[in-house]
Amino acid sequence: MVRFLQIALLLVWIWMVYIVISTSLESSLFEQWNFLASIPWMRATLWDFYANILIIYIFVLWREKSLFIKFLWAVLFFFLGSIGSIAYVLIQLFSLKEGQVLSDIFKSKSASL
């Protein structure tokens, strides 16, 4: 199951990087911002997205020990969105050692000492 998740999430991460880069080359978010902000569903989608990122970040705050790492992931999550959150999960999945189970990534790092 871990190997499947690693491959599946890596493919999703690569796809998201491609989509963001290709969209950025085609259209500037900063130039389109006023138009996009005028669309009610766009505003709702952004609020929904950042609420989800906040929930994921609260988990990171609980799990990680280092203040620097907590701050770094906040920046990556809130500025890169799913690219950052998928990267976090991928790092956790690839850091599992032989014999560890998937549920081990849901444990606090301070509890593992």
PDB file of N, CA and C in Angstrom:
ATOM      1  N   MET A   1       0.822  -1.203   0.000  1.00  0.00           N
ATOM      2  CA  MET A   1       0.000   0.000   0.000  1.00  0.00           C
ATOM      3  C   MET A   1       0.867   1.268   0.000  1.00  0.00           C
ATOM      4  N   VAL A   2       1.959   1.246   0.762  1.00  0.00           N
ATOM      5  CA  VAL A   2       2.850   2.406   0.819  1.00  0.00           C
ATOM      6  C   VAL A   2       3.423   2.689  -0.564  1.00  0.00           C
ATOM      7  N   ARG A   3       3.878   1.650  -1.255  1.00  0.00           N
ATOM      8  CA  ARG A   3       4.460   1.838  -2.587  1.00  0.00           C
ATOM      9  C   ARG A   3       3.422   2.418  -3.548  1.00  0.00           C
ATOM     10  N   PHE A   4       2.190   1.931  -3.484  1.00  0.00           N
ATOM     11  CA  PHE A   4       1.120   2.458  -4.331  1.00  0.00           C
ATOM     12  C   PHE A   4       0.906   3.945  -4.059  1.00  0.00           C
ATOM     13  N   LEU A   5       0.839   4.324  -2.793  1.00  0.00           N
ATOM     14  CA  LEU A   5       0.636   5.737  -2.428  1.00  0.00           C
ATOM     15  C   LEU A   5       1.809   6.601  -2.884  1.00  0.00           C
ATOM     16  N   GLN A   6       3.019   6.085  -2.734  1.00  0.00           N
ATOM     17  CA  GLN A   6       4.194   6.832  -3.188  1.00  0.00           C
ATOM     18  C   GLN A   6       4.097   7.127  -4.681  1.00  0.00           C
ATOM     19  N   ILE A   7       3.779   6.117  -5.463  1.00  0.00           N
ATOM     20  CA  ILE A   7       3.707   6.292  -6.919  1.00  0.00           C
ATOM     21  C   ILE A   7       2.528   7.184  -7.301  1.00  0.00           C
ATOM     22  N   ALA A   8       1.365   6.922  -6.717  1.00  0.00           N
ATOM     23  CA  ALA A   8       0.166   7.698  -7.058  1.00  0.00           C
ATOM     24  C   ALA A   8       0.349   9.171  -6.710  1.00  0.00           C
ATOM     25  N   LEU A   9       0.839   9.453  -5.517  1.00  0.00           N
ATOM     26  CA  LEU A   9       1.010  10.852  -5.108  1.00  0.00           C
ATOM     27  C   LEU A   9       2.136  11.530  -5.877  1.00  0.00           C
ATOM     28  N   LEU A  10       3.169  10.784  -6.228  1.00  0.00           N
ATOM     29  CA  LEU A  10       4.237  11.363  -7.037  1.00  0.00           C
ATOM     30  C   LEU A  10       3.694  11.765  -8.412  1.00  0.00           C
ATOM     31  N   LEU A  11       2.839  10.938  -8.994  1.00  0.00           N
ATOM     32  CA  LEU A  11       2.227  11.285 -10.276  1.00  0.00           C
ATOM     33  C   LEU A  11       1.320  12.511 -10.151  1.00  0.00           C
ATOM     34  N   VAL A  12       0.546  12.578  -9.078  1.00  0.00           N
ATOM     35  CA  VAL A  12      -0.312  13.752  -8.852  1.00  0.00           C
ATOM     36  C   VAL A  12       0.545  14.995  -8.655  1.00  0.00           C
ATOM     37  N   TRP A  13       1.646  14.870  -7.908  1.00  0.00           N
ATOM     38  CA  TRP A  13       2.539  16.009  -7.668  1.00  0.00           C
ATOM     39  C   TRP A  13       3.140  16.509  -8.982  1.00  0.00           C
ATOM     40  N   ILE A  14       3.611  15.583  -9.800  1.00  0.00           N
ATOM     41  CA  ILE A  14       4.186  15.955 -11.101  1.00  0.00           C
ATOM     42  C   ILE A  14       3.121  16.642 -11.955  1.00  0.00           C
ATOM     43  N   TRP A  15       1.906  16.120 -11.963  1.00  0.00           N
ATOM     44  CA  TRP A  15       0.819  16.719 -12.734  1.00  0.00           C
ATOM     45  C   TRP A  15       0.527  18.136 -12.237  1.00  0.00           C
ATOM     46  N   MET A  16       0.482  18.335 -10.930  1.00  0.00           N
ATOM     47  CA  MET A  16       0.195  19.663 -10.376  1.00  0.00           C
ATOM     48  C   MET A  16       1.308  20.653 -10.731  1.00  0.00           C
ATOM     49  N   VAL A  17       2.549  20.219 -10.657  1.00  0.00           N
ATOM     50  CA  VAL A  17       3.663  21.094 -11.045  1.00  0.00           C
ATOM     51  C   VAL A  17       3.520  21.479 -12.508  1.00  0.00           C
ATOM     52  N   TYR A  18       3.209  20.513 -13.358  1.00  0.00           N
ATOM     53  CA  TYR A  18       3.016  20.789 -14.782  1.00  0.00           C
ATOM     54  C   TYR A  18       1.869  21.782 -14.990  1.00  0.00           C
ATOM     55  N   ILE A  19       0.737  21.549 -14.362  1.00  0.00           N
ATOM     56  CA  ILE A  19      -0.434  22.414 -14.532  1.00  0.00           C
ATOM     57  C   ILE A  19      -0.126  23.841 -14.077  1.00  0.00           C
ATOM     58  N   VAL A  20       0.509  23.982 -12.938  1.00  0.00           N
ATOM     59  CA  VAL A  20       0.817  25.323 -12.424  1.00  0.00           C
ATOM     60  C   VAL A  20       1.800  26.044 -13.338  1.00  0.00           C
ATOM     61  N   ILE A  21       2.838  25.358 -13.773  1.00  0.00           N
ATOM     62  CA  ILE A  21       3.829  25.997 -14.645  1.00  0.00           C
ATOM     63  C   ILE A  21       3.213  26.341 -15.997  1.00  0.00           C
ATOM     64  N   SER A  22       2.497  25.404 -16.605  1.00  0.00           N
ATOM     65  CA  SER A  22       1.921  25.689 -17.920  1.00  0.00           C
ATOM     66  C   SER A  22       0.865  26.788 -17.839  1.00  0.00           C
ATOM     67  N   THR A  23       0.073  26.803 -16.793  1.00  0.00           N
ATOM     68  CA  THR A  23      -0.922  27.857 -16.628  1.00  0.00           C
ATOM     69  C   THR A  23      -0.250  29.203 -16.390  1.00  0.00           C
ATOM     70  N   SER A  24       0.812  29.210 -15.604  1.00  0.00           N
ATOM     71  CA  SER A  24       1.540  30.450 -15.335  1.00  0.00           C
ATOM     72  C   SER A  24       2.160  31.024 -16.604  1.00  0.00           C
ATOM     73  N   LEU A  25       2.629  30.162 -17.485  1.00  0.00           N
ATOM     74  CA  LEU A  25       3.199  30.622 -18.750  1.00  0.00           C
ATOM     75  C   LEU A  25       2.132  31.164 -19.693  1.00  0.00           C
ATOM     76  N   GLU A  26       0.930  30.649 -19.552  1.00  0.00           N
ATOM     77  CA  GLU A  26      -0.171  31.054 -20.419  1.00  0.00           C
ATOM     78  C   GLU A  26      -0.889  32.298 -19.908  1.00  0.00           C
ATOM     79  N   SER A  27      -0.974  32.438 -18.582  1.00  0.00           N
ATOM     80  CA  SER A  27      -1.782  33.508 -18.008  1.00  0.00           C
ATOM     81  C   SER A  27      -1.217  33.910 -16.655  1.00  0.00           C
ATOM     82  N   SER A  28      -1.051  35.214 -16.448  1.00  0.00           N
ATOM     83  CA  SER A  28      -0.523  35.705 -15.180  1.00  0.00           C
ATOM     84  C   SER A  28      -1.637  35.816 -14.152  1.00  0.00           C
ATOM     85  N   LEU A  29      -1.455  35.162 -13.030  1.00  0.00           N
ATOM     86  CA  LEU A  29      -2.434  35.251 -11.947  1.00  0.00           C
ATOM     87  C   LEU A  29      -2.585  36.695 -11.478  1.00  0.00           C
ATOM     88  N   PHE A  30      -1.494  37.418 -11.425  1.00  0.00           N
ATOM     89  CA  PHE A  30      -1.536  38.800 -10.942  1.00  0.00           C
ATOM     90  C   PHE A  30      -2.309  39.710 -11.901  1.00  0.00           C
ATOM     91  N   GLU A  31      -2.211  39.449 -13.185  1.00  0.00           N
ATOM     92  CA  GLU A  31      -2.966  40.238 -14.164  1.00  0.00           C
ATOM     93  C   GLU A  31      -4.446  39.867 -14.165  1.00  0.00           C
ATOM     94  N   GLN A  32      -4.757  38.624 -13.840  1.00  0.00           N
ATOM     95  CA  GLN A  32      -6.128  38.122 -13.875  1.00  0.00           C
ATOM     96  C   GLN A  32      -6.847  38.236 -12.526  1.00  0.00           C
ATOM     97  N   TRP A  33      -6.121  38.655 -11.490  1.00  0.00           N
ATOM     98  CA  TRP A  33      -6.660  38.584 -10.134  1.00  0.00           C
ATOM     99  C   TRP A  33      -8.003  39.307  -9.970  1.00  0.00           C
ATOM    100  N   ASN A  34      -8.123  40.524 -10.467  1.00  0.00           N
ATOM    101  CA  ASN A  34      -9.377  41.267 -10.296  1.00  0.00           C
ATOM    102  C   ASN A  34     -10.548  40.538 -10.949  1.00  0.00           C
ATOM    103  N   PHE A  35     -10.327  40.005 -12.135  1.00  0.00           N
ATOM    104  CA  PHE A  35     -11.380  39.244 -12.809  1.00  0.00           C
ATOM    105  C   PHE A  35     -11.732  37.986 -12.019  1.00  0.00           C
ATOM    106  N   LEU A  36     -10.703  37.229 -11.629  1.00  0.00           N
ATOM    107  CA  LEU A  36     -10.950  35.983 -10.897  1.00  0.00           C
ATOM    108  C   LEU A  36     -11.647  36.241  -9.567  1.00  0.00           C
ATOM    109  N   ALA A  37     -11.237  37.295  -8.868  1.00  0.00           N
ATOM    110  CA  ALA A  37     -11.841  37.620  -7.573  1.00  0.00           C
ATOM    111  C   ALA A  37     -13.295  38.042  -7.709  1.00  0.00           C
ATOM    112  N   SER A  38     -13.711  38.442  -8.903  1.00  0.00           N
ATOM    113  CA  SER A  38     -15.099  38.851  -9.110  1.00  0.00           C
ATOM    114  C   SER A  38     -16.033  37.653  -9.327  1.00  0.00           C
ATOM    115  N   ILE A  39     -15.485  36.457  -9.493  1.00  0.00           N
ATOM    116  CA  ILE A  39     -16.284  35.254  -9.718  1.00  0.00           C
ATOM    117  C   ILE A  39     -16.592  34.612  -8.361  1.00  0.00           C
ATOM    118  N   PRO A  40     -17.859  34.541  -7.964  1.00  0.00           N
ATOM    119  CA  PRO A  40     -18.201  33.985  -6.648  1.00  0.00           C
ATOM    120  C   PRO A  40     -17.651  32.584  -6.395  1.00  0.00           C
ATOM    121  N   TRP A  41     -17.704  31.716  -7.403  1.00  0.00           N
ATOM    122  CA  TRP A  41     -17.192  30.367  -7.197  1.00  0.00           C
ATOM    123  C   TRP A  41     -15.673  30.343  -7.042  1.00  0.00           C
ATOM    124  N   MET A  42     -14.993  31.265  -7.631  1.00  0.00           N
ATOM    125  CA  MET A  42     -13.541  31.349  -7.449  1.00  0.00           C
ATOM    126  C   MET A  42     -13.230  31.719  -6.005  1.00  0.00           C
ATOM    127  N   ARG A  43     -13.960  32.695  -5.478  1.00  0.00           N
ATOM    128  CA  ARG A  43     -13.757  33.082  -4.073  1.00  0.00           C
ATOM    129  C   ARG A  43     -14.071  31.909  -3.147  1.00  0.00           C
ATOM    130  N   ALA A  44     -15.168  31.217  -3.418  1.00  0.00           N
ATOM    131  CA  ALA A  44     -15.541  30.070  -2.584  1.00  0.00           C
ATOM    132  C   ALA A  44     -14.484  28.966  -2.660  1.00  0.00           C
ATOM    133  N   THR A  45     -13.964  28.741  -3.858  1.00  0.00           N
ATOM    134  CA  THR A  45     -12.935  27.719  -4.040  1.00  0.00           C
ATOM    135  C   THR A  45     -11.667  28.077  -3.270  1.00  0.00           C
ATOM    136  N   LEU A  46     -11.273  29.341  -3.305  1.00  0.00           N
ATOM    137  CA  LEU A  46     -10.083  29.758  -2.556  1.00  0.00           C
ATOM    138  C   LEU A  46     -10.286  29.606  -1.052  1.00  0.00           C
ATOM    139  N   TRP A  47     -11.450  30.018  -0.545  1.00  0.00           N
ATOM    140  CA  TRP A  47     -11.726  29.845   0.887  1.00  0.00           C
ATOM    141  C   TRP A  47     -11.717  28.366   1.257  1.00  0.00           C
ATOM    142  N   ASP A  48     -12.316  27.536   0.425  1.00  0.00           N
ATOM    143  CA  ASP A  48     -12.338  26.096   0.661  1.00  0.00           C
ATOM    144  C   ASP A  48     -10.927  25.527   0.671  1.00  0.00           C
ATOM    145  N   PHE A  49     -10.129  25.929  -0.312  1.00  0.00           N
ATOM    146  CA  PHE A  49      -8.759  25.447  -0.415  1.00  0.00           C
ATOM    147  C   PHE A  49      -7.944  25.818   0.829  1.00  0.00           C
ATOM    148  N   TYR A  50      -8.000  27.083   1.226  1.00  0.00           N
ATOM    149  CA  TYR A  50      -7.201  27.509   2.371  1.00  0.00           C
ATOM    150  C   TYR A  50      -7.704  26.925   3.682  1.00  0.00           C
ATOM    151  N   ALA A  51      -8.987  26.621   3.787  1.00  0.00           N
ATOM    152  CA  ALA A  51      -9.497  25.921   4.978  1.00  0.00           C
ATOM    153  C   ALA A  51      -8.895  24.516   5.038  1.00  0.00           C
ATOM    154  N   ASN A  52      -8.832  23.839   3.895  1.00  0.00           N
ATOM    155  CA  ASN A  52      -8.208  22.509   3.860  1.00  0.00           C
ATOM    156  C   ASN A  52      -6.723  22.575   4.191  1.00  0.00           C
ATOM    157  N   ILE A  53      -6.033  23.544   3.634  1.00  0.00           N
ATOM    158  CA  ILE A  53      -4.605  23.691   3.918  1.00  0.00           C
ATOM    159  C   ILE A  53      -4.385  23.964   5.412  1.00  0.00           C
ATOM    160  N   LEU A  54      -5.254  24.761   6.007  1.00  0.00           N
ATOM    161  CA  LEU A  54      -5.146  25.042   7.441  1.00  0.00           C
ATOM    162  C   LEU A  54      -5.273  23.761   8.255  1.00  0.00           C
ATOM    163  N   ILE A  55      -6.213  22.907   7.906  1.00  0.00           N
ATOM    164  CA  ILE A  55      -6.383  21.634   8.620  1.00  0.00           C
ATOM    165  C   ILE A  55      -5.123  20.780   8.491  1.00  0.00           C
ATOM    166  N   ILE A  56      -4.587  20.687   7.288  1.00  0.00           N
ATOM    167  CA  ILE A  56      -3.354  19.915   7.086  1.00  0.00           C
ATOM    168  C   ILE A  56      -2.209  20.544   7.875  1.00  0.00           C
ATOM    169  N   TYR A  57      -2.144  21.864   7.877  1.00  0.00           N
ATOM    170  CA  TYR A  57      -1.061  22.542   8.592  1.00  0.00           C
ATOM    171  C   TYR A  57      -1.175  22.349  10.108  1.00  0.00           C
ATOM    172  N   ILE A  58      -2.379  22.294  10.638  1.00  0.00           N
ATOM    173  CA  ILE A  58      -2.550  22.027  12.076  1.00  0.00           C
ATOM    174  C   ILE A  58      -1.960  20.658  12.414  1.00  0.00           C
ATOM    175  N   PHE A  59      -2.156  19.683  11.528  1.00  0.00           N
ATOM    176  CA  PHE A  59      -1.539  18.368  11.720  1.00  0.00           C
ATOM    177  C   PHE A  59      -0.014  18.493  11.744  1.00  0.00           C
ATOM    178  N   VAL A  60       0.541  19.280  10.831  1.00  0.00           N
ATOM    179  CA  VAL A  60       1.994  19.475  10.778  1.00  0.00           C
ATOM    180  C   VAL A  60       2.483  20.150  12.057  1.00  0.00           C
ATOM    181  N   LEU A  61       1.744  21.140  12.554  1.00  0.00           N
ATOM    182  CA  LEU A  61       2.117  21.800  13.810  1.00  0.00           C
ATOM    183  C   LEU A  61       2.188  20.795  14.952  1.00  0.00           C
ATOM    184  N   TRP A  62       1.242  19.874  14.992  1.00  0.00           N
ATOM    185  CA  TRP A  62       1.224  18.854  16.036  1.00  0.00           C
ATOM    186  C   TRP A  62       2.355  17.852  15.845  1.00  0.00           C
ATOM    187  N   ARG A  63       2.614  17.483  14.602  1.00  0.00           N
ATOM    188  CA  ARG A  63       3.550  16.395  14.317  1.00  0.00           C
ATOM    189  C   ARG A  63       5.017  16.808  14.388  1.00  0.00           C
ATOM    190  N   GLU A  64       5.350  17.946  13.837  1.00  0.00           N
ATOM    191  CA  GLU A  64       6.752  18.355  13.723  1.00  0.00           C
ATOM    192  C   GLU A  64       7.245  19.006  15.014  1.00  0.00           C
ATOM    193  N   LYS A  65       8.526  18.821  15.306  1.00  0.00           N
ATOM    194  CA  LYS A  65       9.124  19.393  16.515  1.00  0.00           C
ATOM    195  C   LYS A  65       9.761  20.753  16.254  1.00  0.00           C
ATOM    196  N   SER A  66      10.453  20.904  15.163  1.00  0.00           N
ATOM    197  CA  SER A  66      11.254  22.093  14.879  1.00  0.00           C
ATOM    198  C   SER A  66      10.382  23.288  14.483  1.00  0.00           C
ATOM    199  N   LEU A  67      10.622  24.428  15.119  1.00  0.00           N
ATOM    200  CA  LEU A  67       9.901  25.650  14.758  1.00  0.00           C
ATOM    201  C   LEU A  67      10.221  26.063  13.321  1.00  0.00           C
ATOM    202  N   PHE A  68      11.470  25.889  12.913  1.00  0.00           N
ATOM    203  CA  PHE A  68      11.858  26.226  11.543  1.00  0.00           C
ATOM    204  C   PHE A  68      11.083  25.382  10.540  1.00  0.00           C
ATOM    205  N   ILE A  69      10.992  24.082  10.795  1.00  0.00           N
ATOM    206  CA  ILE A  69      10.269  23.175   9.893  1.00  0.00           C
ATOM    207  C   ILE A  69       8.786  23.541   9.856  1.00  0.00           C
ATOM    208  N   LYS A  70       8.220  23.870  10.999  1.00  0.00           N
ATOM    209  CA  LYS A  70       6.811  24.283  11.047  1.00  0.00           C
ATOM    210  C   LYS A  70       6.596  25.535  10.196  1.00  0.00           C
ATOM    211  N   PHE A  71       7.489  26.501  10.315  1.00  0.00           N
ATOM    212  CA  PHE A  71       7.394  27.732   9.537  1.00  0.00           C
ATOM    213  C   PHE A  71       7.587  27.458   8.046  1.00  0.00           C
ATOM    214  N   LEU A  72       8.577  26.642   7.725  1.00  0.00           N
ATOM    215  CA  LEU A  72       8.859  26.305   6.325  1.00  0.00           C
ATOM    216  C   LEU A  72       7.641  25.669   5.666  1.00  0.00           C
ATOM    217  N   TRP A  73       7.019  24.717   6.350  1.00  0.00           N
ATOM    218  CA  TRP A  73       5.847  24.065   5.755  1.00  0.00           C
ATOM    219  C   TRP A  73       4.672  25.020   5.644  1.00  0.00           C
ATOM    220  N   ALA A  74       4.531  25.961   6.550  1.00  0.00           N
ATOM    221  CA  ALA A  74       3.463  26.967   6.432  1.00  0.00           C
ATOM    222  C   ALA A  74       3.646  27.745   5.138  1.00  0.00           C
ATOM    223  N   VAL A  75       4.855  28.200   4.879  1.00  0.00           N
ATOM    224  CA  VAL A  75       5.147  28.958   3.654  1.00  0.00           C
ATOM    225  C   VAL A  75       4.864  28.097   2.422  1.00  0.00           C
ATOM    226  N   LEU A  76       5.361  26.866   2.439  1.00  0.00           N
ATOM    227  CA  LEU A  76       5.175  25.983   1.281  1.00  0.00           C
ATOM    228  C   LEU A  76       3.708  25.646   1.050  1.00  0.00           C
ATOM    229  N   PHE A  77       2.977  25.370   2.117  1.00  0.00           N
ATOM    230  CA  PHE A  77       1.550  25.042   1.977  1.00  0.00           C
ATOM    231  C   PHE A  77       0.756  26.222   1.449  1.00  0.00           C
ATOM    232  N   PHE A  78       0.930  27.382   2.072  1.00  0.00           N
ATOM    233  CA  PHE A  78       0.077  28.517   1.742  1.00  0.00           C
ATOM    234  C   PHE A  78       0.463  29.204   0.430  1.00  0.00           C
ATOM    235  N   PHE A  79       1.707  29.016  -0.014  1.00  0.00           N
ATOM    236  CA  PHE A  79       2.105  29.621  -1.285  1.00  0.00           C
ATOM    237  C   PHE A  79       2.109  28.635  -2.448  1.00  0.00           C
ATOM    238  N   LEU A  80       2.326  27.357  -2.166  1.00  0.00           N
ATOM    239  CA  LEU A  80       2.370  26.369  -3.246  1.00  0.00           C
ATOM    240  C   LEU A  80       1.137  25.474  -3.289  1.00  0.00           C
ATOM    241  N   GLY A  81       0.301  25.542  -2.285  1.00  0.00           N
ATOM    242  CA  GLY A  81      -0.927  24.765  -2.267  1.00  0.00           C
ATOM    243  C   GLY A  81      -0.685  23.274  -2.260  1.00  0.00           C
ATOM    244  N   SER A  82      -1.378  22.576  -3.152  1.00  0.00           N
ATOM    245  CA  SER A  82      -1.287  21.118  -3.165  1.00  0.00           C
ATOM    246  C   SER A  82       0.116  20.634  -3.528  1.00  0.00           C
ATOM    247  N   ILE A  83       0.878  21.433  -4.234  1.00  0.00           N
ATOM    248  CA  ILE A  83       2.265  21.047  -4.523  1.00  0.00           C
ATOM    249  C   ILE A  83       3.024  20.896  -3.201  1.00  0.00           C
ATOM    250  N   GLY A  84       2.813  21.823  -2.284  1.00  0.00           N
ATOM    251  CA  GLY A  84       3.463  21.748  -0.978  1.00  0.00           C
ATOM    252  C   GLY A  84       2.910  20.642  -0.107  1.00  0.00           C
ATOM    253  N   SER A  85       1.585  20.500  -0.070  1.00  0.00           N
ATOM    254  CA  SER A  85       1.000  19.486   0.813  1.00  0.00           C
ATOM    255  C   SER A  85       1.299  18.070   0.314  1.00  0.00           C
ATOM    256  N   ILE A  86       1.271  17.865  -0.990  1.00  0.00           N
ATOM    257  CA  ILE A  86       1.622  16.547  -1.519  1.00  0.00           C
ATOM    258  C   ILE A  86       3.102  16.259  -1.262  1.00  0.00           C
ATOM    259  N   ALA A  87       3.947  17.278  -1.395  1.00  0.00           N
ATOM    260  CA  ALA A  87       5.378  17.092  -1.109  1.00  0.00           C
ATOM    261  C   ALA A  87       5.578  16.639   0.335  1.00  0.00           C
ATOM    262  N   TYR A  88       4.844  17.246   1.260  1.00  0.00           N
ATOM    263  CA  TYR A  88       4.961  16.854   2.672  1.00  0.00           C
ATOM    264  C   TYR A  88       4.603  15.379   2.851  1.00  0.00           C
ATOM    265  N   VAL A  89       3.480  14.970   2.281  1.00  0.00           N
ATOM    266  CA  VAL A  89       3.044  13.578   2.419  1.00  0.00           C
ATOM    267  C   VAL A  89       4.045  12.635   1.748  1.00  0.00           C
ATOM    268  N   LEU A  90       4.548  13.018   0.575  1.00  0.00           N
ATOM    269  CA  LEU A  90       5.543  12.180  -0.100  1.00  0.00           C
ATOM    270  C   LEU A  90       6.800  12.013   0.745  1.00  0.00           C
ATOM    271  N   ILE A  91       7.267  13.086   1.340  1.00  0.00           N
ATOM    272  CA  ILE A  91       8.458  12.993   2.199  1.00  0.00           C
ATOM    273  C   ILE A  91       8.198  12.026   3.350  1.00  0.00           C
ATOM    274  N   GLN A  92       7.009  12.117   3.941  1.00  0.00           N
ATOM    275  CA  GLN A  92       6.679  11.212   5.041  1.00  0.00           C
ATOM    276  C   GLN A  92       6.616   9.768   4.562  1.00  0.00           C
ATOM    277  N   LEU A  93       6.015   9.547   3.398  1.00  0.00           N
ATOM    278  CA  LEU A  93       5.919   8.180   2.865  1.00  0.00           C
ATOM    279  C   LEU A  93       7.285   7.605   2.520  1.00  0.00           C
ATOM    280  N   PHE A  94       8.137   8.410   1.889  1.00  0.00           N
ATOM    281  CA  PHE A  94       9.457   7.919   1.505  1.00  0.00           C
ATOM    282  C   PHE A  94      10.409   7.793   2.690  1.00  0.00           C
ATOM    283  N   SER A  95      10.064   8.420   3.820  1.00  0.00           N
ATOM    284  CA  SER A  95      10.931   8.310   4.992  1.00  0.00           C
ATOM    285  C   SER A  95      10.579   7.123   5.880  1.00  0.00           C
ATOM    286  N   LEU A  96       9.500   6.412   5.549  1.00  0.00           N
ATOM    287  CA  LEU A  96       9.173   5.208   6.314  1.00  0.00           C
ATOM    288  C   LEU A  96      10.287   4.179   6.137  1.00  0.00           C
ATOM    289  N   LYS A  97      10.700   3.629   7.241  1.00  0.00           N
ATOM    290  CA  LYS A  97      11.757   2.622   7.209  1.00  0.00           C
ATOM    291  C   LYS A  97      11.141   1.228   7.071  1.00  0.00           C
ATOM    292  N   GLU A  98      11.972   0.286   6.705  1.00  0.00           N
ATOM    293  CA  GLU A  98      11.531  -1.108   6.566  1.00  0.00           C
ATOM    294  C   GLU A  98      10.842  -1.543   7.856  1.00  0.00           C
ATOM    295  N   GLY A  99       9.680  -2.110   7.716  1.00  0.00           N
ATOM    296  CA  GLY A  99       8.935  -2.592   8.876  1.00  0.00           C
ATOM    297  C   GLY A  99       7.942  -1.594   9.441  1.00  0.00           C
ATOM    298  N   GLN A 100       8.089  -0.322   9.082  1.00  0.00           N
ATOM    299  CA  GLN A 100       7.119   0.659   9.556  1.00  0.00           C
ATOM    300  C   GLN A 100       5.844   0.541   8.736  1.00  0.00           C
ATOM    301  N   VAL A 101       4.751   0.884   9.372  1.00  0.00           N
ATOM    302  CA  VAL A 101       3.457   0.810   8.695  1.00  0.00           C
ATOM    303  C   VAL A 101       2.982   2.221   8.363  1.00  0.00           C
ATOM    304  N   LEU A 102       2.006   2.283   7.478  1.00  0.00           N
ATOM    305  CA  LEU A 102       1.477   3.570   7.019  1.00  0.00           C
ATOM    306  C   LEU A 102       0.999   4.440   8.172  1.00  0.00           C
ATOM    307  N   SER A 103       0.410   3.855   9.165  1.00  0.00           N
ATOM    308  CA  SER A 103      -0.105   4.640  10.296  1.00  0.00           C
ATOM    309  C   SER A 103       1.010   5.348  11.074  1.00  0.00           C
ATOM    310  N   ASP A 104       2.253   4.942  10.896  1.00  0.00           N
ATOM    311  CA  ASP A 104       3.360   5.610  11.587  1.00  0.00           C
ATOM    312  C   ASP A 104       3.520   7.068  11.164  1.00  0.00           C
ATOM    313  N   ILE A 105       3.060   7.440   9.967  1.00  0.00           N
ATOM    314  CA  ILE A 105       3.190   8.845   9.572  1.00  0.00           C
ATOM    315  C   ILE A 105       2.181   9.734  10.293  1.00  0.00           C
ATOM    316  N   PHE A 106       1.245   9.116  11.005  1.00  0.00           N
ATOM    317  CA  PHE A 106       0.260   9.890  11.750  1.00  0.00           C
ATOM    318  C   PHE A 106       0.642  10.053  13.217  1.00  0.00           C
ATOM    319  N   LYS A 107       1.861   9.689  13.562  1.00  0.00           N
ATOM    320  CA  LYS A 107       2.344   9.838  14.922  1.00  0.00           C
ATOM    321  C   LYS A 107       3.178  11.103  15.045  1.00  0.00           C
ATOM    322  N   SER A 108       3.105  11.724  16.197  1.00  0.00           N
ATOM    323  CA  SER A 108       3.918  12.896  16.461  1.00  0.00           C
ATOM    324  C   SER A 108       5.382  12.484  16.489  1.00  0.00           C
ATOM    325  N   LYS A 109       6.244  13.325  15.932  1.00  0.00           N
ATOM    326  CA  LYS A 109       7.677  13.009  15.946  1.00  0.00           C
ATOM    327  C   LYS A 109       8.217  13.044  17.368  1.00  0.00           C
ATOM    328  N   SER A 110       7.648  13.874  18.231  1.00  0.00           N
ATOM    329  CA  SER A 110       8.120  13.910  19.618  1.00  0.00           C
ATOM    330  C   SER A 110       7.707  12.654  20.363  1.00  0.00           C
ATOM    331  N   ALA A 111       6.638  11.983  19.949  1.00  0.00           N
ATOM    332  CA  ALA A 111       6.202  10.750  20.594  1.00  0.00           C
ATOM    333  C   ALA A 111       7.092   9.584  20.209  1.00  0.00           C
ATOM    334  N   SER A 112       7.810   9.709  19.095  1.00  0.00           N
ATOM    335  CA  SER A 112       8.641   8.597  18.637  1.00  0.00           C
ATOM    336  C   SER A 112      10.007   8.561  19.300  1.00  0.00           C
ATOM    337  N   LEU A 113      10.292   9.543  20.162  1.00  0.00           N
ATOM    338  CA  LEU A 113      11.597   9.558  20.843  1.00  0.00           C
ATOM    339  C   LEU A 113      11.635   8.609  22.003  1.00  0.00           C
TER     340      LEU A 113
END
